[in-house]
Amino acid sequence: MTKAKVLWLLFGLQIVLTLCGIAGLGKGAVFDLAVTYLPLALLVLHACWVLTVRRGLAFILLAAFVGWAAEAISLHYGTLFGGEYRYPTQAGLFGVPFAIIAYWAIFIYSGYWLVTTFRYWLGKKKPDYKQSSLALVFLLVLADGLAVTAIDLFMDPISVRGGSWSWTHGGAYFGVPVGNFVGWFFVAVAATSVFRLFEYYWPQPAEPHIGRSALLVPVIGYLLVGLDFFAGALGFGLLPLAAIGTAIVIVPAAVNVALYVRSKSAAVHKHQ
């Protein structure tokens, strides 16, 4: 079985689990663990096979560490996210639940890959010091930050209503402080800027030989997250949030998929 088939098989299982959760069929500790850590395992494999093992593991660990450090500092020494908040359980690393650490890695990698593949489908490679301006790296980093923050703009109000965490004093954005999203942006930028600068000065020797469809897996995952939150927003009666989330999460991911389809079609016609 090829690497691409392994990724799509695991991703198919993730889709089934997500649909079960949306339909209210998924319950219990085992289901919760699978929903949280299967995407992480999938993206670790993707990162290792697309970026090389060393680079892939380094990026996933970097994203998890930066997210965890920001959470730990915020919980224990004053907030970095615009207000005081707490989790219902203290089980984790310095008060940060392991699932939250996993989600930071998942979301940061997914946002980075969404931005990266937009360039791929347009026939452009990652910037490097021999051919590209450093300014392009910073533009991509800003786009990474926006892509990751968009997820939380959709997720946080739903998670608060679902009891995943709570804000002590609420906030102006569906009960969430606006400063929270500023914090998310800078956490994402801190992680992706380090990795993109590394890629800029030490480019990957060769493009991944895993098949173009496999490059799409994190993008479809990003879209799946958006659809999951869309269902959650409707379930809580948050119609304005559903509209906002569609515009900032679902539409960009759908456009990315459309560009992939167009690029694939163009490649087929080129070789005919």
Protein backbone atom coordinates (compact mmCIF):
# COMPACT_ATOMS: atom_id res chain seq x y z
CA MET A 1 0.00 0.00 0.00
CA THR A 2 1.39 3.40 -0.99
CA LYS A 3 1.88 6.25 1.47
CA ALA A 4 -0.89 8.21 -0.23
CA LYS A 5 -3.33 5.33 0.20
CA VAL A 6 -2.42 5.02 3.89
CA LEU A 7 -3.13 8.72 4.41
CA TRP A 8 -6.46 8.56 2.61
CA LEU A 9 -7.47 5.39 4.49
CA LEU A 10 -6.81 7.05 7.84
CA PHE A 11 -8.49 10.21 6.66
CA GLY A 12 -11.54 8.21 5.58
CA LEU A 13 -11.78 6.88 9.14
CA GLN A 14 -11.51 10.44 10.46
CA ILE A 15 -14.37 11.51 8.20
CA VAL A 16 -16.53 8.66 9.52
CA LEU A 17 -15.77 9.62 13.13
CA THR A 18 -16.53 13.29 12.45
CA LEU A 19 -19.86 12.44 10.80
CA CYS A 20 -20.74 10.21 13.74
CA GLY A 21 -20.00 13.10 16.10
CA ILE A 22 -22.11 15.50 14.07
CA ALA A 23 -24.98 12.99 14.05
CA GLY A 24 -24.68 12.49 17.81
CA LEU A 25 -23.68 8.84 17.44
CA GLY A 26 -20.20 9.15 18.90
CA LYS A 27 -20.02 8.90 22.67
CA GLY A 28 -17.61 7.68 25.31
CA ALA A 29 -13.96 8.08 26.24
CA VAL A 30 -12.65 5.87 23.44
CA PHE A 31 -14.53 7.85 20.80
CA ASP A 32 -13.27 11.14 22.24
CA LEU A 33 -9.67 9.88 22.19
CA ALA A 34 -10.03 8.72 18.58
CA VAL A 35 -11.55 12.02 17.45
CA THR A 36 -8.70 13.96 19.07
CA TYR A 37 -5.62 11.87 18.36
CA LEU A 38 -6.38 10.23 15.01
CA PRO A 39 -6.06 13.61 13.22
CA LEU A 40 -2.78 14.21 15.07
CA ALA A 41 -1.41 10.81 14.01
CA LEU A 42 -2.57 11.44 10.46
CA LEU A 43 -0.86 14.83 10.25
CA VAL A 44 2.34 13.50 11.84
CA LEU A 45 2.52 10.90 9.06
CA HIS A 46 1.70 13.55 6.47
CA ALA A 47 4.38 15.90 7.78
CA CYS A 48 7.02 13.17 7.90
CA TRP A 49 6.26 11.96 4.37
CA VAL A 50 5.87 15.38 2.77
CA LEU A 51 8.46 17.45 4.65
CA THR A 52 10.86 14.56 5.51
CA VAL A 53 10.86 12.86 8.92
CA ARG A 54 13.15 15.32 10.67
CA ARG A 55 11.46 18.44 9.35
CA GLY A 56 7.97 17.03 9.82
CA LEU A 57 8.49 15.96 13.42
CA ALA A 58 10.30 19.21 14.20
CA PHE A 59 7.40 21.30 12.90
CA ILE A 60 4.70 19.29 14.68
CA LEU A 61 6.65 19.43 17.95
CA LEU A 62 7.35 23.14 17.48
CA ALA A 63 3.65 23.88 16.93
CA ALA A 64 2.64 21.79 19.96
CA PHE A 65 5.32 23.40 22.16
CA VAL A 66 4.51 27.00 21.22
CA GLY A 67 0.79 26.40 21.76
CA TRP A 68 1.39 24.65 25.08
CA ALA A 69 3.82 27.32 26.32
CA ALA A 70 1.36 30.11 25.52
CA GLU A 71 -1.45 28.25 27.30
CA ALA A 72 0.68 27.43 30.36
CA ILE A 73 1.91 31.01 30.72
CA SER A 74 -1.61 32.33 30.28
CA LEU A 75 -3.14 29.96 32.82
CA HIS A 76 -0.50 30.46 35.53
CA TYR A 77 1.01 33.91 35.06
CA GLY A 78 -1.65 36.07 33.48
CA THR A 79 -3.49 35.78 30.24
CA LEU A 80 -2.06 36.05 26.76
CA PHE A 81 -5.51 35.54 25.29
CA GLY A 82 -7.48 38.58 26.33
CA GLY A 83 -9.09 37.34 29.54
CA GLU A 84 -9.09 34.72 32.26
CA TYR A 85 -10.25 31.24 31.34
CA ARG A 86 -10.12 27.74 32.76
CA TYR A 87 -10.48 24.14 31.69
CA PRO A 88 -12.85 21.75 33.48
CA THR A 89 -9.95 19.39 34.25
CA GLN A 90 -6.40 20.01 35.41
CA ALA A 91 -5.16 16.74 33.88
CA GLY A 92 -2.40 17.60 31.46
CA LEU A 93 0.92 19.39 31.38
CA PHE A 94 1.06 22.36 33.77
CA GLY A 95 -2.73 22.59 33.66
CA VAL A 96 -2.98 22.41 29.86
CA PRO A 97 -4.99 19.33 28.78
CA PHE A 98 -3.15 17.03 26.41
CA ALA A 99 -6.00 17.34 23.92
CA ILE A 100 -5.45 21.12 23.75
CA ILE A 101 -1.75 20.62 23.04
CA ALA A 102 -2.67 18.17 20.27
CA TYR A 103 -5.14 20.62 18.75
CA TRP A 104 -2.53 23.38 18.63
CA ALA A 105 -0.30 21.10 16.56
CA ILE A 106 -3.21 20.05 14.34
CA PHE A 107 -4.51 23.56 13.68
CA ILE A 108 -1.12 25.21 13.13
CA TYR A 109 0.01 22.53 10.70
CA SER A 110 -3.33 22.60 8.88
CA GLY A 111 -3.23 26.39 8.54
CA TYR A 112 0.37 26.28 7.28
CA TRP A 113 -0.51 23.61 4.74
CA LEU A 114 -3.66 25.41 3.55
CA VAL A 115 -1.55 28.46 2.71
CA THR A 116 1.26 26.38 1.20
CA THR A 117 -1.01 24.43 -1.14
CA PHE A 118 -2.61 27.59 -2.50
CA ARG A 119 0.81 28.27 -4.01
CA TYR A 120 1.31 24.67 -5.12
CA TRP A 121 -1.92 24.60 -7.11
CA LEU A 122 -0.82 27.83 -8.83
CA GLY A 123 2.44 26.19 -9.88
CA LYS A 124 4.66 28.00 -7.36
CA LYS A 125 7.19 26.40 -5.02
CA LYS A 126 8.04 27.42 -1.47
CA PRO A 127 10.18 30.56 -1.32
CA ASP A 128 13.92 30.14 -0.79
CA TYR A 129 16.83 32.54 -0.40
CA LYS A 130 18.16 31.85 -3.92
CA GLN A 131 15.01 32.78 -5.83
CA SER A 132 12.58 34.66 -3.59
CA SER A 133 12.36 37.79 -1.50
CA LEU A 134 12.28 37.39 2.26
CA ALA A 135 9.20 39.63 2.22
CA LEU A 136 7.25 36.75 0.65
CA VAL A 137 8.01 34.59 3.68
CA PHE A 138 6.51 37.17 6.01
CA LEU A 139 3.41 37.47 3.82
CA LEU A 140 2.97 33.70 4.00
CA VAL A 141 3.44 33.78 7.78
CA LEU A 142 0.73 36.43 8.09
CA ALA A 143 -1.56 34.24 5.98
CA ASP A 144 -0.73 31.27 8.23
CA GLY A 145 -1.73 33.29 11.28
CA LEU A 146 -5.04 34.29 9.71
CA ALA A 147 -5.79 30.71 8.62
CA VAL A 148 -5.21 29.37 12.14
CA THR A 149 -7.07 32.22 13.83
CA ALA A 150 -10.05 31.66 11.53
CA ILE A 151 -10.44 28.19 13.05
CA ASP A 152 -10.69 29.61 16.56
CA LEU A 153 -13.11 32.34 15.50
CA PHE A 154 -15.40 29.46 14.52
CA MET A 155 -14.48 27.03 17.30
CA ASP A 156 -14.22 29.01 20.53
CA PRO A 157 -17.87 30.08 20.96
CA ILE A 158 -19.01 26.52 20.26
CA SER A 159 -16.48 24.98 22.64
CA VAL A 160 -17.47 27.38 25.41
CA ARG A 161 -21.11 26.43 25.04
CA GLY A 162 -20.13 22.77 24.96
CA GLY A 163 -18.20 23.09 28.24
CA SER A 164 -14.70 22.44 26.85
CA TRP A 165 -13.49 25.60 28.63
CA SER A 166 -14.99 28.77 30.08
CA TRP A 167 -14.15 32.48 30.13
CA THR A 168 -14.41 34.09 33.56
CA HIS A 169 -15.75 37.43 32.31
CA GLY A 170 -17.01 36.49 28.87
CA GLY A 171 -16.33 38.72 25.90
CA ALA A 172 -17.76 40.72 23.01
CA TYR A 173 -17.50 37.99 20.37
CA PHE A 174 -20.22 35.44 21.19
CA GLY A 175 -19.02 35.47 24.80
CA VAL A 176 -15.31 35.27 23.93
CA PRO A 177 -12.80 38.14 24.44
CA VAL A 178 -11.54 39.64 21.19
CA GLY A 179 -8.02 39.55 22.64
CA ASN A 180 -8.19 35.76 22.51
CA PHE A 181 -7.99 35.85 18.74
CA VAL A 182 -5.11 38.30 18.79
CA GLY A 183 -3.31 35.79 20.99
CA TRP A 184 -4.13 32.94 18.60
CA PHE A 185 -2.76 34.93 15.68
CA PHE A 186 0.57 35.61 17.36
CA VAL A 187 0.94 32.04 18.62
CA ALA A 188 0.42 30.72 15.09
CA VAL A 189 2.78 33.32 13.63
CA ALA A 190 5.45 32.49 16.22
CA ALA A 191 5.39 28.81 15.21
CA THR A 192 5.14 29.11 11.43
CA SER A 193 7.63 31.98 11.14
CA VAL A 194 10.36 29.83 12.69
CA PHE A 195 9.64 26.95 10.32
CA ARG A 196 9.18 29.05 7.19
CA LEU A 197 12.43 30.94 7.84
CA PHE A 198 14.18 27.59 8.26
CA GLU A 199 12.71 26.39 4.96
CA TYR A 200 13.74 29.67 3.31
CA TYR A 201 17.42 29.39 4.25
CA TRP A 202 17.64 25.56 4.16
CA PRO A 203 15.25 24.53 1.37
CA GLN A 204 14.04 20.96 1.17
CA PRO A 205 16.35 19.14 -1.28
CA ALA A 206 13.48 17.76 -3.38
CA GLU A 207 9.75 18.11 -3.71
CA PRO A 208 7.73 15.32 -2.03
CA HIS A 209 7.12 12.22 -4.16
CA ILE A 210 3.88 11.17 -2.55
CA GLY A 211 1.28 12.17 -5.12
CA ARG A 212 -0.57 15.46 -5.46
CA SER A 213 -3.79 14.08 -3.97
CA ALA A 214 -1.99 13.34 -0.68
CA LEU A 215 -0.97 17.00 -0.45
CA LEU A 216 -4.68 17.78 -0.23
CA VAL A 217 -5.32 15.77 2.96
CA PRO A 218 -4.77 18.60 5.51
CA VAL A 219 -6.85 20.94 3.33
CA ILE A 220 -9.80 18.55 3.34
CA GLY A 221 -9.22 18.17 7.08
CA TYR A 222 -9.44 21.96 7.46
CA LEU A 223 -12.68 21.90 5.48
CA LEU A 224 -14.00 19.03 7.61
CA VAL A 225 -13.27 21.00 10.78
CA GLY A 226 -15.25 23.90 9.34
CA LEU A 227 -18.22 21.66 8.54
CA ASP A 228 -18.10 20.16 12.04
CA PHE A 229 -18.17 23.63 13.62
CA PHE A 230 -20.89 24.70 11.21
CA ALA A 231 -23.07 21.88 12.52
CA GLY A 232 -22.18 22.87 16.08
CA ALA A 233 -23.09 26.51 15.47
CA LEU A 234 -26.47 25.50 14.06
CA GLY A 235 -27.00 23.16 16.99
CA PHE A 236 -26.54 26.03 19.44
CA GLY A 237 -28.66 28.37 17.33
CA LEU A 238 -25.69 30.58 16.46
CA LEU A 239 -26.70 31.45 12.91
CA PRO A 240 -24.45 34.56 12.65
CA LEU A 241 -21.48 32.47 13.79
CA ALA A 242 -22.32 29.80 11.20
CA ALA A 243 -22.27 32.50 8.51
CA ILE A 244 -18.97 33.98 9.72
CA GLY A 245 -17.35 30.55 9.99
CA THR A 246 -18.49 29.61 6.51
CA ALA A 247 -16.91 32.75 5.08
CA ILE A 248 -13.55 32.45 6.86
CA VAL A 249 -13.04 28.66 7.09
CA ILE A 250 -15.26 26.69 4.71
CA VAL A 251 -15.03 29.00 1.68
CA PRO A 252 -11.19 29.33 1.66
CA ALA A 253 -10.80 25.55 2.00
CA ALA A 254 -13.34 24.97 -0.77
CA VAL A 255 -11.51 27.44 -3.04
CA ASN A 256 -8.28 25.59 -2.33
CA VAL A 257 -9.88 22.29 -3.38
CA ALA A 258 -11.25 23.94 -6.53
CA LEU A 259 -7.75 25.18 -7.42
CA TYR A 260 -6.43 21.65 -6.92
CA VAL A 261 -9.07 20.27 -9.30
CA ARG A 262 -8.22 22.95 -11.87
CA SER A 263 -4.49 22.29 -11.60
CA LYS A 264 -5.05 18.55 -11.95
CA SER A 265 -7.19 19.09 -15.02
CA ALA A 266 -4.57 21.38 -16.53
CA ALA A 267 -1.86 18.78 -15.91
CA VAL A 268 -3.93 16.10 -17.65
CA HIS A 269 -4.50 18.30 -20.71
CA LYS A 270 -0.80 19.18 -20.82
CA HIS A 271 0.20 15.51 -21.11
CA GLN A 272 -2.43 14.60 -23.72
